[in-house]
């Protein structure tokens, strides 16, 4: 017997829950692709006429735009990475508070959240993933996206923690 063919609608609910978890991840991936394409479109095109006998075109004579090349572990990135780590810690605390009040976690299964060391590892991995994505953007020269990765991650994690604390505790009826 298939696991989802059992009694009740538990199989349907679990498949729907899996689909709703994939939706935010797909939206984030689409946002990253669109943002990377938009920043790539802002780069000046490469012209093949640089070696022509007429010399460089008029568009190339002007001053070159200032590039913001910096070390990856500079002060700004360090502060943003610390902010992401702090917001993930706040998310951990708010989710633990949420579970103690009897509310179900939306993005992860309750068994993952209730396993405290595992959930702490997931939060730490999310911080590491954010730093890793920032590093990839840094290495490929997308310095604005490098900064914005941490800014968006900090904002989303903080807003999620605030939402967790704002949810009302369900009280049993009389």
Foldseek 3Di string as FASTA:
>chain_A
DDPCPDPDRVSVVVVVLVVVLVVVVVVVVVVVVVVVVVVVVVDDDDDPCCPPPVHDDPVPPDDDDDADQDDLPDPLNVVLLVLLLVLLVLLLVLVVVLVVLPHADRNDHPVQNVPPVNSVVVSVVVSVVLSVVLVVCNVVRNNVVSNVSSVVSSVVSNVNSVVSVPDDRDDDDD
